[in-house]
Amino acid sequence: MTKTNILNKKMFIIAEIANTHEGSINKLHEIVNKAIKTKTDAIKFQLFTAKELLVKNHSEYESFKKLEFSNSEWLKVFKKIKKHHVKICADVFSKERAAFAHKAGIDIFKIHSSDMNNYELIDYIASTQKPILLSCSGCKLNEIDNAINRIKIKGKSQIILMHGFQAFPTKINKIELNRIKNFQKRYDLPVGYMDHIDGGSKLAKIIPLIAMGTGAFVIEKHITRNRSLKEDDYESSINPDEFTEMVKLLRKTEKILGNDSFELSQEEQEYRKKMKKIPVAKRTIKKGQKIKKRDINLLRYENYVEELNVLDIIDSVAKKTILKDNPFNMKNIEKKNKVVAVLACRVESARLFAKPMQFVDNRRILDSMISQLKKSKSIAEIILAISENPGNEVFIDYARKNKLKFVIGDDTDVLQRMIKAGEHTNADIIFRVTTEDPFVYWEIIDLVISDHLKKNADFTYTVDLPNGIGFELINLESLKFSHKNGNKRTRSELVTEYIFQNKSQFKINKYNVKKQLRRPDIRLTVDFPEDLILVREIMSKLKNKKIPRFQEILETLNKNPELLEINDKHNEEAYRNWL
């Protein structure tokens, strides 16, 4: 079954029909026809029978009874919508109604806030694997927590939290748009907005734009065939022509907001080329002269493409005489090699969610790793290469909090993210370790870097170490070559697979550790819950030592061999599994 990702578009717009049809199948078809023409992404319906909503002696029972449609009537409506490639979203209020909707081929489920504690319904909808709009109207945080946890346990549905409530209409001072950001921060999930202000207000088409700017990924808005008729749910509904105009405004706003990427547009690149000051020679520099800070000036230079960082130029050597006011480039200087640790981060995983953010003691795996990498004198910088998919904002917050540089890029093209990070930091050599490894053999990092430079290698890797403790060094140019000539698989998290498959095209260097440290039978990476348990046990035995040495970890496992049984079923040949 193909899963729908309703956030393939940055902004997803839903036309809410609600009960504006008043139980008339002809009115329903009329409003559906008009909604289709608005260019909305989806049309939403409320599928119910009165007995699924109310007790029989409820004052509104008979009113809701009149709003019911038969399954065959709904199927005709759905068939019409599918012909126009508009998605179908449904509020369902029972497991039976959800099963009908699922069989009918609806694209998106919405769980109404009134059913936030209806676990039978939530479990069934989650099992369909279809996207879920989870209405948070009038719900307490513990109810939302429980519903989200159940959905995640029962299936892999995309979850979008929906903010907003209906007060026929809702007053402006009760909208609380800031809650969108609060939901995003608390749950690391995309959030949408259900607009219910007075449909006749001038703000009826503006509030959704503001919500979008606040961070809403989904906009749900009521539509009616004619507000002047004052039919059911007209209070917060707008007319089809107004809805069409709102869609156009949202699409324009989408372009204005752009995306979260720091990729420069062509126009911005031209501006940069014209306005950016670049390093030029402050005085004539003779061949063989070591370049100092006093030899460098920053000035604009016409038609110059290649850029070097001032810090990369300082202490480099002139390959040939550089005249005053001439730019520095790779043809006229011998640049020192800059090593940058690039940590590829994403929350998605088939086996253990958000692995880098799991705690090993009172610190996260990412905390532990970074503290070890900082022990190296040869690693100039550490940068996060973060997936652009929703939910990965947690890594952006982490980078900002810890004053780390970061780039954002394609979720599956990990190699491109690595290259982007290297270019962002002016790196020559990329230090690579996977971000689910709480232990790094940090004591040898500088020795391996020195060996990589001494042997003029394109790619260096450690061998025969426990799975999850080794690392790699790859020249940035080698990564670029791999990306250009590789395929989808070699551009994935298998970053160096192209190099291994094409060894004749690269100068590859193996770094061998001492014989007594060669333990590929040990698994110290965190990919399964059992791996995490083992790491926590090791840290506990080491009394949560901040930066343990590899020898100490090895001694702990030798003294407590039973620990290795914890994740033994997941242990494969160490190095190939690490790749």
Protein backbone atom coordinates (compact mmCIF):
# COMPACT_ATOMS: atom_id res chain seq x y z
CA MET A 1 0.00 0.00 0.00
CA THR A 2 1.33 3.44 -0.97
CA LYS A 3 1.25 5.90 1.89
CA THR A 4 0.14 9.48 1.27
CA ASN A 5 2.38 12.29 2.44
CA ILE A 6 0.12 15.31 2.53
CA LEU A 7 3.11 17.58 3.13
CA ASN A 8 4.68 16.93 -0.26
CA LYS A 9 3.47 20.44 -0.86
CA LYS A 10 4.70 22.91 1.69
CA MET A 11 1.16 24.14 2.35
CA PHE A 12 -1.82 21.78 2.24
CA ILE A 13 -5.29 23.34 1.92
CA ILE A 14 -8.52 21.63 2.94
CA ALA A 15 -12.05 22.76 2.07
CA GLU A 16 -14.27 21.72 4.98
CA ILE A 17 -17.86 20.92 3.91
CA ALA A 18 -19.07 20.09 7.44
CA ASN A 19 -22.90 20.18 7.52
CA THR A 20 -23.49 23.01 5.08
CA HIS A 21 -25.34 20.46 2.88
CA GLU A 22 -28.12 20.26 5.53
CA GLY A 23 -28.73 16.60 4.65
CA SER A 24 -29.55 17.33 1.00
CA ILE A 25 -27.61 15.16 -1.44
CA ASN A 26 -28.18 17.73 -4.20
CA LYS A 27 -26.73 20.51 -2.06
CA LEU A 28 -23.79 18.27 -1.21
CA HIS A 29 -23.00 17.66 -4.88
CA GLU A 30 -23.37 21.36 -5.64
CA ILE A 31 -20.91 22.46 -2.95
CA VAL A 32 -18.48 19.65 -3.90
CA ASN A 33 -18.51 20.82 -7.53
CA LYS A 34 -17.75 24.37 -6.39
CA ALA A 35 -15.06 23.24 -3.95
CA ILE A 36 -13.25 21.27 -6.68
CA LYS A 37 -12.97 24.45 -8.78
CA THR A 38 -11.25 26.38 -5.97
CA LYS A 39 -7.98 24.42 -6.53
CA THR A 40 -8.04 23.15 -2.95
CA ASP A 41 -5.80 20.17 -2.16
CA ALA A 42 -8.51 18.22 -0.35
CA ILE A 43 -12.20 18.28 0.52
CA LYS A 44 -13.22 17.18 3.99
CA PHE A 45 -16.48 15.59 5.09
CA GLN A 46 -17.99 14.53 8.38
CA LEU A 47 -19.10 10.91 8.09
CA PHE A 48 -21.45 9.92 10.90
CA THR A 49 -24.77 8.57 11.98
CA ALA A 50 -26.60 10.28 14.81
CA LYS A 51 -26.28 7.22 17.04
CA GLU A 52 -22.47 7.48 16.80
CA LEU A 53 -22.58 11.01 18.19
CA LEU A 54 -25.46 11.44 20.60
CA VAL A 55 -27.70 9.65 23.03
CA LYS A 56 -31.24 9.33 21.68
CA ASN A 57 -32.75 11.74 24.15
CA HIS A 58 -30.24 14.45 23.23
CA SER A 59 -31.95 17.66 22.10
CA GLU A 60 -30.04 17.62 18.79
CA TYR A 61 -30.38 13.92 17.99
CA GLU A 62 -33.10 14.33 15.36
CA SER A 63 -31.28 17.29 13.77
CA PHE A 64 -28.17 15.19 13.28
CA LYS A 65 -30.29 12.26 12.07
CA LYS A 66 -31.44 14.44 9.15
CA LEU A 67 -27.80 15.08 8.14
CA GLU A 68 -27.00 11.43 7.48
CA PHE A 69 -26.21 9.99 4.03
CA SER A 70 -26.15 6.36 2.96
CA ASN A 71 -22.88 4.64 2.05
CA SER A 72 -23.90 4.50 -1.61
CA GLU A 73 -24.49 8.26 -1.63
CA TRP A 74 -21.06 8.89 -0.14
CA LEU A 75 -19.42 6.58 -2.69
CA LYS A 76 -20.88 8.59 -5.58
CA VAL A 77 -19.49 11.81 -4.06
CA PHE A 78 -16.04 10.25 -3.57
CA LYS A 79 -16.01 8.92 -7.14
CA LYS A 80 -16.65 12.41 -8.49
CA ILE A 81 -13.84 13.95 -6.43
CA LYS A 82 -11.29 11.29 -7.41
CA LYS A 83 -11.84 12.08 -11.10
CA HIS A 84 -10.46 15.57 -10.40
CA HIS A 85 -7.41 14.30 -8.43
CA VAL A 86 -8.49 16.12 -5.29
CA LYS A 87 -7.82 14.27 -2.05
CA ILE A 88 -10.61 13.17 0.27
CA CYS A 89 -10.43 13.75 4.01
CA ALA A 90 -12.98 12.40 6.46
CA ASP A 91 -13.95 13.00 10.05
CA VAL A 92 -15.18 9.62 11.29
CA PHE A 93 -16.80 8.96 14.63
CA SER A 94 -16.77 5.16 14.95
CA LYS A 95 -14.65 2.19 13.96
CA GLU A 96 -17.40 1.04 11.58
CA ARG A 97 -17.51 4.41 9.83
CA ALA A 98 -13.69 4.45 9.64
CA ALA A 99 -13.67 0.98 8.06
CA PHE A 100 -16.15 2.13 5.42
CA ALA A 101 -14.08 5.25 4.67
CA HIS A 102 -10.89 3.21 4.43
CA LYS A 103 -12.48 0.71 2.05
CA ALA A 104 -13.92 3.60 0.02
CA GLY A 105 -10.36 4.86 -0.57
CA ILE A 106 -10.32 8.14 1.31
CA ASP A 107 -6.85 9.66 1.51
CA ILE A 108 -6.73 11.28 4.96
CA PHE A 109 -8.42 10.57 8.27
CA LYS A 110 -9.27 13.22 10.81
CA ILE A 111 -9.79 12.26 14.42
CA HIS A 112 -12.21 14.75 15.91
CA SER A 113 -11.28 16.12 19.32
CA SER A 114 -14.45 14.54 20.73
CA ASP A 115 -12.84 11.14 20.03
CA MET A 116 -9.42 11.92 21.48
CA ASN A 117 -10.02 9.24 24.13
CA ASN A 118 -11.71 6.77 21.76
CA TYR A 119 -8.81 4.31 21.68
CA GLU A 120 -10.65 1.70 19.61
CA LEU A 121 -11.16 4.27 16.85
CA ILE A 122 -7.63 5.69 17.15
CA ASP A 123 -6.06 2.22 17.01
CA TYR A 124 -8.02 1.26 13.92
CA ILE A 125 -7.24 4.48 12.04
CA ALA A 126 -3.55 4.16 12.94
CA SER A 127 -3.53 0.62 11.54
CA THR A 128 -4.56 1.93 8.09
CA GLN A 129 -1.21 3.78 7.81
CA LYS A 130 -3.01 6.76 6.27
CA PRO A 131 -2.20 10.36 7.30
CA ILE A 132 -4.03 11.50 10.42
CA LEU A 133 -5.19 15.00 11.27
CA LEU A 134 -5.46 14.99 15.06
CA SER A 135 -7.77 17.74 16.27
CA CYS A 136 -6.56 19.21 19.55
CA SER A 137 -9.59 21.48 20.10
CA GLY A 138 -10.51 21.59 23.77
CA CYS A 139 -8.14 18.72 24.60
CA LYS A 140 -5.80 18.48 27.56
CA LEU A 141 -2.11 17.79 26.95
CA ASN A 142 -2.21 14.35 28.56
CA GLU A 143 -5.02 13.36 26.18
CA ILE A 144 -3.00 14.52 23.18
CA ASP A 145 0.10 12.72 24.54
CA ASN A 146 -1.80 9.46 24.88
CA ALA A 147 -3.37 9.68 21.42
CA ILE A 148 -0.02 10.39 19.73
CA ASN A 149 1.66 7.52 21.57
CA ARG A 150 -1.08 5.09 20.52
CA ILE A 151 -0.84 6.14 16.89
CA LYS A 152 2.94 5.68 16.90
CA ILE A 153 2.67 2.27 18.55
CA LYS A 154 -0.11 0.97 16.29
CA GLY A 155 1.26 2.14 12.96
CA LYS A 156 3.41 4.56 10.98
CA SER A 157 0.80 7.11 9.98
CA GLN A 158 1.86 10.66 9.34
CA ILE A 159 0.48 12.77 12.20
CA ILE A 160 -0.51 16.42 11.82
CA LEU A 161 -1.82 18.16 14.91
CA MET A 162 -4.71 20.54 14.17
CA HIS A 163 -5.24 23.70 16.21
CA GLY A 164 -8.46 25.74 16.34
CA PHE A 165 -11.99 25.30 17.65
CA GLN A 166 -15.50 26.13 16.47
CA ALA A 167 -17.58 28.64 18.44
CA PHE A 168 -19.95 29.55 15.55
CA PRO A 169 -17.94 31.70 14.90
CA THR A 170 -14.78 31.86 17.01
CA LYS A 171 -13.83 35.32 18.24
CA ILE A 172 -10.51 36.75 17.07
CA ASN A 173 -9.10 37.06 20.61
CA LYS A 174 -9.69 33.32 21.16
CA ILE A 175 -7.74 32.03 18.14
CA GLU A 176 -4.38 31.66 20.00
CA LEU A 177 -2.13 31.21 16.94
CA ASN A 178 0.98 31.10 19.15
CA ARG A 179 -0.19 27.68 20.26
CA ILE A 180 0.93 26.38 16.84
CA LYS A 181 4.58 26.99 17.76
CA ASN A 182 4.03 25.52 21.21
CA PHE A 183 2.61 22.31 19.72
CA GLN A 184 5.52 22.06 17.29
CA LYS A 185 8.04 22.54 20.08
CA ARG A 186 6.40 20.03 22.41
CA TYR A 187 5.72 17.23 19.93
CA ASP A 188 8.17 17.75 17.03
CA LEU A 189 5.23 17.21 14.67
CA PRO A 190 3.77 19.35 11.87
CA VAL A 191 0.81 21.46 12.94
CA GLY A 192 -2.19 22.71 10.98
CA TYR A 193 -4.79 25.37 11.65
CA MET A 194 -8.59 25.03 11.50
CA ASP A 195 -10.03 28.50 10.92
CA HIS A 196 -13.44 29.27 12.40
CA ILE A 197 -13.64 33.07 12.54
CA ASP A 198 -16.63 34.92 11.13
CA GLY A 199 -16.76 34.11 7.42
CA GLY A 200 -18.05 37.62 6.70
CA SER A 201 -15.07 39.28 8.39
CA LYS A 202 -12.34 40.99 6.36
CA LEU A 203 -9.92 38.77 8.25
CA ALA A 204 -11.54 35.56 7.01
CA LYS A 205 -8.95 35.25 4.21
CA ILE A 206 -6.12 36.88 6.15
CA ILE A 207 -5.99 34.81 9.36
CA PRO A 208 -4.99 31.64 7.41
CA LEU A 209 -2.05 33.59 5.92
CA ILE A 210 -0.93 34.63 9.40
CA ALA A 211 -1.29 31.04 10.61
CA MET A 212 0.91 29.93 7.73
CA GLY A 213 3.53 32.47 8.74
CA THR A 214 3.30 31.19 12.30
CA GLY A 215 4.27 27.71 11.11
CA ALA A 216 1.04 25.96 10.10
CA PHE A 217 1.56 23.37 7.34
CA VAL A 218 -2.15 22.65 6.83
CA ILE A 219 -5.03 25.12 6.54
CA GLU A 220 -8.58 23.88 6.97
CA LYS A 221 -11.33 26.38 6.08
CA HIS A 222 -15.11 26.00 5.93
CA ILE A 223 -16.80 26.53 2.56
CA THR A 224 -20.49 27.06 1.78
CA ARG A 225 -22.34 27.44 -1.49
CA ASN A 226 -23.73 30.86 -0.53
CA ARG A 227 -23.26 32.60 2.83
CA SER A 228 -26.31 34.79 2.33
CA LEU A 229 -28.55 31.69 2.55
CA LYS A 230 -27.34 31.20 6.15
CA GLU A 231 -27.39 27.41 5.86
CA ASP A 232 -25.86 25.12 8.51
CA ASP A 233 -22.27 26.01 9.49
CA TYR A 234 -22.39 29.24 7.50
CA GLU A 235 -21.03 31.24 10.47
CA SER A 236 -17.38 30.44 9.79
CA SER A 237 -17.74 29.53 6.11
CA ILE A 238 -16.73 31.55 3.06
CA ASN A 239 -18.17 31.47 -0.46
CA PRO A 240 -16.48 29.47 -3.23
CA ASP A 241 -15.12 32.58 -4.99
CA GLU A 242 -13.66 33.78 -1.68
CA PHE A 243 -12.16 30.35 -1.07
CA THR A 244 -10.54 30.46 -4.53
CA GLU A 245 -9.03 33.85 -3.71
CA MET A 246 -7.78 32.54 -0.35
CA VAL A 247 -6.08 29.59 -2.10
CA LYS A 248 -4.32 32.01 -4.47
CA LEU A 249 -3.19 34.17 -1.53
CA LEU A 250 -1.88 31.12 0.34
CA ARG A 251 0.09 29.97 -2.71
CA LYS A 252 1.60 33.46 -3.11
CA THR A 253 2.42 33.55 0.60
CA GLU A 254 4.05 30.14 0.20
CA LYS A 255 6.39 31.64 -2.38
CA ILE A 256 7.08 34.65 -0.18
CA LEU A 257 8.00 32.46 2.80
CA GLY A 258 10.22 30.26 0.64
CA ASN A 259 11.73 27.24 2.34
CA ASP A 260 13.97 26.50 5.30
CA SER A 261 16.95 25.80 3.09
CA PHE A 262 19.96 28.11 3.19
CA GLU A 263 20.56 27.42 -0.51
CA LEU A 264 21.13 30.73 -2.28
CA SER A 265 18.91 31.51 -5.27
CA GLN A 266 20.52 32.45 -8.58
CA GLU A 267 19.60 36.09 -7.95
CA GLU A 268 21.10 36.00 -4.47
CA GLN A 269 24.25 34.38 -5.80
CA GLU A 270 24.59 37.22 -8.33
CA TYR A 271 24.14 39.74 -5.51
CA ARG A 272 26.78 37.94 -3.48
CA LYS A 273 29.22 37.93 -6.40
CA LYS A 274 28.74 41.65 -6.90
CA MET A 275 28.75 42.82 -3.28
CA LYS A 276 30.91 40.32 -1.37
CA LYS A 277 34.39 41.37 -0.30
CA ILE A 278 37.00 38.70 -0.95
CA PRO A 279 40.59 38.23 0.28
CA VAL A 280 43.14 39.96 -1.99
CA ALA A 281 46.86 40.61 -1.56
CA LYS A 282 47.49 43.76 0.48
CA ARG A 283 50.97 43.93 -1.04
CA THR A 284 52.91 41.89 -3.59
CA ILE A 285 53.72 38.45 -2.14
CA LYS A 286 56.71 36.55 -3.50
CA LYS A 287 56.71 32.86 -4.39
CA GLY A 288 57.46 30.66 -1.36
CA GLN A 289 56.50 33.39 1.13
CA LYS A 290 54.33 32.38 4.08
CA ILE A 291 51.16 34.48 4.05
CA LYS A 292 50.28 36.31 7.26
CA LYS A 293 47.17 38.20 8.35
CA ARG A 294 48.91 41.50 7.55
CA ASP A 295 49.25 40.41 3.89
CA ILE A 296 45.50 40.09 3.35
CA ASN A 297 42.92 42.74 2.52
CA LEU A 298 39.17 42.33 2.02
CA LEU A 299 37.85 44.17 -1.04
CA ARG A 300 35.28 43.69 -3.81
CA TYR A 301 36.70 42.17 -6.99
CA GLU A 302 34.80 41.99 -10.29
CA ASN A 303 34.03 38.66 -11.97
CA TYR A 304 35.63 36.52 -9.28
CA VAL A 305 34.03 33.13 -8.65
CA GLU A 306 36.26 31.05 -6.38
CA GLU A 307 36.17 32.02 -2.73
CA LEU A 308 38.64 31.28 0.05
CA ASN A 309 38.20 31.99 3.72
CA VAL A 310 40.73 34.36 5.31
CA LEU A 311 41.47 31.77 7.99
CA ASP A 312 42.33 29.21 5.30
CA ILE A 313 44.80 31.63 3.70
CA ILE A 314 46.66 32.62 6.86
CA ASP A 315 49.87 30.55 7.21
CA SER A 316 49.50 29.10 3.70
CA VAL A 317 52.41 29.42 1.24
CA ALA A 318 52.42 31.32 -2.07
CA LYS A 319 52.96 28.91 -5.00
CA LYS A 320 53.91 31.86 -7.20
CA THR A 321 54.20 35.64 -6.92
CA ILE A 322 50.83 37.25 -6.11
CA LEU A 323 50.54 40.90 -7.17
CA LYS A 324 48.92 43.54 -4.98
CA ASP A 325 45.09 43.55 -5.17
CA ASN A 326 45.03 40.13 -6.86
CA PRO A 327 42.70 37.54 -5.30
CA PHE A 328 43.97 34.44 -3.52
CA ASN A 329 42.97 31.12 -5.09
CA MET A 330 44.00 27.49 -5.16
CA LYS A 331 46.34 28.15 -8.10
CA ASN A 332 48.49 30.65 -6.24
CA ILE A 333 48.54 29.31 -2.65
CA GLU A 334 49.29 25.99 -0.98
CA LYS A 335 46.36 25.80 1.40
CA LYS A 336 46.57 23.88 4.66
CA ASN A 337 44.13 20.99 4.87
CA LYS A 338 41.03 21.67 6.95
CA VAL A 339 39.33 18.69 8.61
CA VAL A 340 35.66 19.07 9.54
CA ALA A 341 33.50 16.52 11.36
CA VAL A 342 30.15 16.25 9.58
CA LEU A 343 27.38 14.59 11.57
CA ALA A 344 24.37 13.52 9.47
CA CYS A 345 21.20 13.81 11.56
CA ARG A 346 17.59 12.72 11.16
CA VAL A 347 14.89 11.41 13.49
CA GLU A 348 13.40 8.79 11.17
CA SER A 349 14.49 5.19 11.67
CA ALA A 350 12.79 1.87 11.07
CA ARG A 351 14.15 0.44 14.34
CA LEU A 352 14.70 3.20 16.91
CA PHE A 353 13.31 6.72 16.61
CA ALA A 354 15.63 9.75 16.86
CA LYS A 355 18.72 7.69 17.71
CA PRO A 356 21.15 10.62 18.13
CA MET A 357 18.84 12.14 20.75
CA GLN A 358 18.55 9.01 22.90
CA PHE A 359 20.06 9.29 26.38
CA VAL A 360 23.01 7.10 27.33
CA ASP A 361 23.36 8.54 30.83
CA ASN A 362 22.34 12.09 31.62
CA ARG A 363 23.50 13.02 28.13
CA ARG A 364 22.30 12.24 24.65
CA ILE A 365 24.29 10.16 22.17
CA LEU A 366 24.99 13.35 20.22
CA ASP A 367 26.30 15.08 23.36
CA SER A 368 28.64 12.18 24.09
CA MET A 369 29.93 12.02 20.53
CA ILE A 370 30.60 15.74 20.22
CA SER A 371 32.46 15.88 23.53
CA GLN A 372 34.76 13.11 22.25
CA LEU A 373 35.35 14.77 18.88
CA LYS A 374 36.31 17.99 20.65
CA LYS A 375 39.29 16.16 22.17
CA SER A 376 40.90 16.14 18.72
CA LYS A 377 43.37 18.92 17.89
CA SER A 378 43.09 18.25 14.17
CA ILE A 379 39.32 18.59 13.71
CA ALA A 380 38.76 22.28 12.97
CA GLU A 381 34.95 22.32 13.19
CA ILE A 382 31.89 20.20 13.87
CA ILE A 383 28.77 20.69 11.75
CA LEU A 384 25.37 18.98 11.64
CA ALA A 385 23.94 17.91 8.25
CA ILE A 386 20.21 17.80 9.04
CA SER A 387 17.36 16.21 7.08
CA GLU A 388 14.81 18.70 5.75
CA ASN A 389 11.87 16.42 6.62
CA PRO A 390 9.35 17.58 9.27
CA GLY A 391 10.34 16.55 12.80
CA ASN A 392 14.05 17.24 12.36
CA GLU A 393 13.69 20.75 13.80
CA VAL A 394 14.92 19.20 17.05
CA PHE A 395 18.43 19.09 15.53
CA ILE A 396 18.23 22.71 14.42
CA ASP A 397 17.34 23.70 17.98
CA TYR A 398 20.18 21.52 19.27
CA ALA A 399 22.71 23.13 16.93
CA ARG A 400 21.64 26.64 17.89
CA LYS A 401 21.67 25.84 21.59
CA ASN A 402 25.17 24.34 21.35
CA LYS A 403 26.48 27.01 18.93
CA LEU A 404 27.16 24.50 16.16
CA LYS A 405 26.96 25.20 12.46
CA PHE A 406 24.36 23.24 10.49
CA VAL A 407 23.03 22.73 6.98
CA ILE A 408 19.66 21.33 5.91
CA GLY A 409 19.16 19.06 2.92
CA ASP A 410 17.44 16.13 1.27
CA ASP A 411 16.46 13.36 3.68
CA THR A 412 17.60 10.45 1.51
CA ASP A 413 20.54 12.11 -0.28
CA VAL A 414 22.84 11.98 2.74
CA LEU A 415 25.91 12.30 0.54
CA GLN A 416 24.71 15.66 -0.78
CA ARG A 417 24.12 16.84 2.80
CA MET A 418 27.70 15.84 3.67
CA ILE A 419 29.04 17.76 0.66
CA LYS A 420 26.89 20.77 1.51
CA ALA A 421 28.26 20.78 5.06
CA GLY A 422 31.81 20.50 3.74
CA GLU A 423 31.32 23.43 1.39
CA HIS A 424 29.68 25.50 4.11
CA THR A 425 32.76 25.12 6.34
CA ASN A 426 35.38 25.30 3.56
CA ALA A 427 36.50 21.79 4.47
CA ASP A 428 39.12 19.83 2.55
CA ILE A 429 38.65 16.57 4.45
CA ILE A 430 35.44 15.22 5.99
CA PHE A 431 35.61 13.28 9.25
CA ARG A 432 32.65 10.91 9.21
CA VAL A 433 31.12 8.96 12.05
CA THR A 434 27.48 7.91 12.21
CA THR A 435 25.39 9.75 14.79
CA GLU A 436 24.09 6.63 16.50
CA ASP A 437 27.56 5.86 17.89
CA PRO A 438 27.93 7.01 21.52
CA PHE A 439 31.57 5.84 21.65
CA VAL A 440 34.27 6.96 19.23
CA TYR A 441 37.88 5.78 19.37
CA TRP A 442 38.78 9.43 19.92
CA GLU A 443 42.29 8.73 21.20
CA ILE A 444 43.51 7.90 17.68
CA ILE A 445 41.66 10.57 15.69
CA ASP A 446 44.69 12.85 15.31
CA LEU A 447 46.97 9.89 14.47
CA VAL A 448 44.61 8.73 11.72
CA ILE A 449 44.31 12.25 10.29
CA SER A 450 48.10 12.54 10.26
CA ASP A 451 48.34 9.18 8.49
CA HIS A 452 45.72 10.25 5.92
CA LEU A 453 47.70 13.40 5.09
CA LYS A 454 51.09 11.67 5.10
CA LYS A 455 49.89 9.04 2.61
CA ASN A 456 48.06 11.62 0.50
CA ALA A 457 44.96 9.41 0.65
CA ASP A 458 41.52 10.13 -0.80
CA PHE A 459 39.82 7.91 1.76
CA THR A 460 41.00 6.45 5.07
CA TYR A 461 39.05 4.09 7.30
CA THR A 462 39.72 2.19 10.51
CA VAL A 463 39.40 -1.60 10.45
CA ASP A 464 38.61 -4.46 12.86
CA LEU A 465 37.26 -2.19 15.59
CA PRO A 466 33.95 -2.83 17.35
CA ASN A 467 30.92 -1.91 15.29
CA GLY A 468 30.23 1.76 16.08
CA ILE A 469 33.61 2.92 17.33
CA GLY A 470 35.47 3.44 14.05
CA PHE A 471 35.38 6.39 11.67
CA GLU A 472 36.32 7.52 8.18
CA LEU A 473 38.19 10.40 6.54
CA ILE A 474 37.15 11.36 3.01
CA ASN A 475 38.46 14.19 0.89
CA LEU A 476 35.62 16.52 -0.07
CA GLU A 477 36.52 16.23 -3.75
CA SER A 478 36.19 12.44 -3.49
CA LEU A 479 32.69 12.84 -2.05
CA LYS A 480 31.74 15.16 -4.92
CA PHE A 481 33.08 12.65 -7.45
CA SER A 482 31.10 9.86 -5.75
CA HIS A 483 27.90 11.90 -5.87
CA LYS A 484 28.34 12.82 -9.53
CA ASN A 485 29.04 9.26 -10.65
CA GLY A 486 27.03 7.25 -8.12
CA ASN A 487 23.36 6.32 -7.85
CA LYS A 488 20.50 6.65 -5.39
CA ARG A 489 21.87 3.88 -3.16
CA THR A 490 25.42 5.26 -2.97
CA ARG A 491 24.03 8.73 -2.21
CA SER A 492 22.07 7.38 0.77
CA GLU A 493 23.46 6.80 4.26
CA LEU A 494 25.88 4.39 2.54
CA VAL A 495 28.05 7.44 1.90
CA THR A 496 31.31 5.66 1.02
CA GLU A 497 29.89 2.65 -0.81
CA TYR A 498 30.75 4.12 -4.22
CA ILE A 499 34.38 4.42 -3.15
CA PHE A 500 34.47 0.76 -2.05
CA GLN A 501 32.84 -0.32 -5.31
CA ASN A 502 35.34 1.67 -7.40
CA LYS A 503 38.62 1.25 -5.49
CA SER A 504 40.77 1.77 -8.56
CA GLN A 505 39.57 5.37 -8.86
CA PHE A 506 40.64 6.37 -5.34
CA LYS A 507 43.71 6.19 -3.17
CA ILE A 508 42.40 4.19 -0.22
CA ASN A 509 44.18 3.88 3.10
CA LYS A 510 43.40 1.32 5.83
CA TYR A 511 44.34 2.24 9.37
CA ASN A 512 45.08 -0.82 11.50
CA VAL A 513 44.89 -0.65 15.27
CA LYS A 514 46.90 -2.74 17.71
CA LYS A 515 46.13 -6.44 17.60
CA GLN A 516 44.71 -6.57 21.14
CA LEU A 517 42.16 -3.88 20.20
CA ARG A 518 40.81 -5.68 17.16
CA ARG A 519 37.33 -6.75 18.28
CA PRO A 520 34.90 -6.67 15.32
CA ASP A 521 32.75 -9.16 17.25
CA ILE A 522 31.56 -6.38 19.58
CA ARG A 523 28.59 -4.18 18.68
CA LEU A 524 28.59 -0.67 20.19
CA THR A 525 26.43 1.21 17.69
CA VAL A 526 22.83 2.05 18.65
CA ASP A 527 20.33 0.84 16.08
CA PHE A 528 17.99 -1.27 18.21
CA PRO A 529 16.60 -0.85 21.74
CA GLU A 530 18.92 -3.67 22.91
CA ASP A 531 21.94 -1.69 21.67
CA LEU A 532 20.85 1.26 23.79
CA ILE A 533 20.45 -0.96 26.85
CA LEU A 534 24.01 -2.29 26.39
CA VAL A 535 25.50 1.20 26.08
CA ARG A 536 23.68 2.34 29.22
CA GLU A 537 24.97 -0.70 31.10
CA ILE A 538 28.54 0.07 30.01
CA MET A 539 28.19 3.70 31.11
CA SER A 540 26.79 2.56 34.43
CA LYS A 541 29.77 0.23 34.97
CA LEU A 542 32.09 3.12 34.11
CA LYS A 543 30.20 5.23 36.65
CA ASN A 544 29.01 7.54 33.86
CA LYS A 545 32.50 8.76 33.05
CA LYS A 546 32.13 11.70 30.68
CA ILE A 547 34.68 10.65 28.05
CA PRO A 548 35.68 7.00 28.49
CA ARG A 549 38.71 5.62 26.67
CA PHE A 550 38.29 2.68 24.32
CA GLN A 551 40.58 0.56 26.50
CA GLU A 552 38.30 1.20 29.49
CA ILE A 553 35.23 0.14 27.50
CA LEU A 554 36.99 -3.01 26.35
CA GLU A 555 38.11 -3.89 29.87
CA THR A 556 34.56 -3.42 31.14
CA LEU A 557 33.22 -5.85 28.54
CA ASN A 558 36.01 -8.36 29.24
CA LYS A 559 35.14 -8.30 32.94
CA ASN A 560 31.40 -8.53 32.22
CA PRO A 561 31.09 -10.78 29.13
CA GLU A 562 27.40 -11.36 29.84
CA LEU A 563 26.72 -7.79 28.69
CA LEU A 564 27.49 -8.77 25.10
CA GLU A 565 24.50 -11.12 25.15
CA ILE A 566 22.16 -8.11 25.40
CA ASN A 567 22.44 -7.21 21.71
CA ASP A 568 24.10 -10.36 20.39
CA LYS A 569 21.19 -11.21 18.08
CA HIS A 570 21.75 -7.96 16.16
CA ASN A 571 25.48 -8.31 15.81
CA GLU A 572 26.71 -8.80 12.27
CA GLU A 573 30.12 -8.46 10.74
CA ALA A 574 31.07 -5.16 12.31
CA TYR A 575 32.56 -2.92 9.71
CA ARG A 576 30.26 -3.76 6.80
CA ASN A 577 27.26 -3.31 9.06
CA TRP A 578 28.62 0.08 10.18
CA LEU A 579 28.73 1.20 6.55
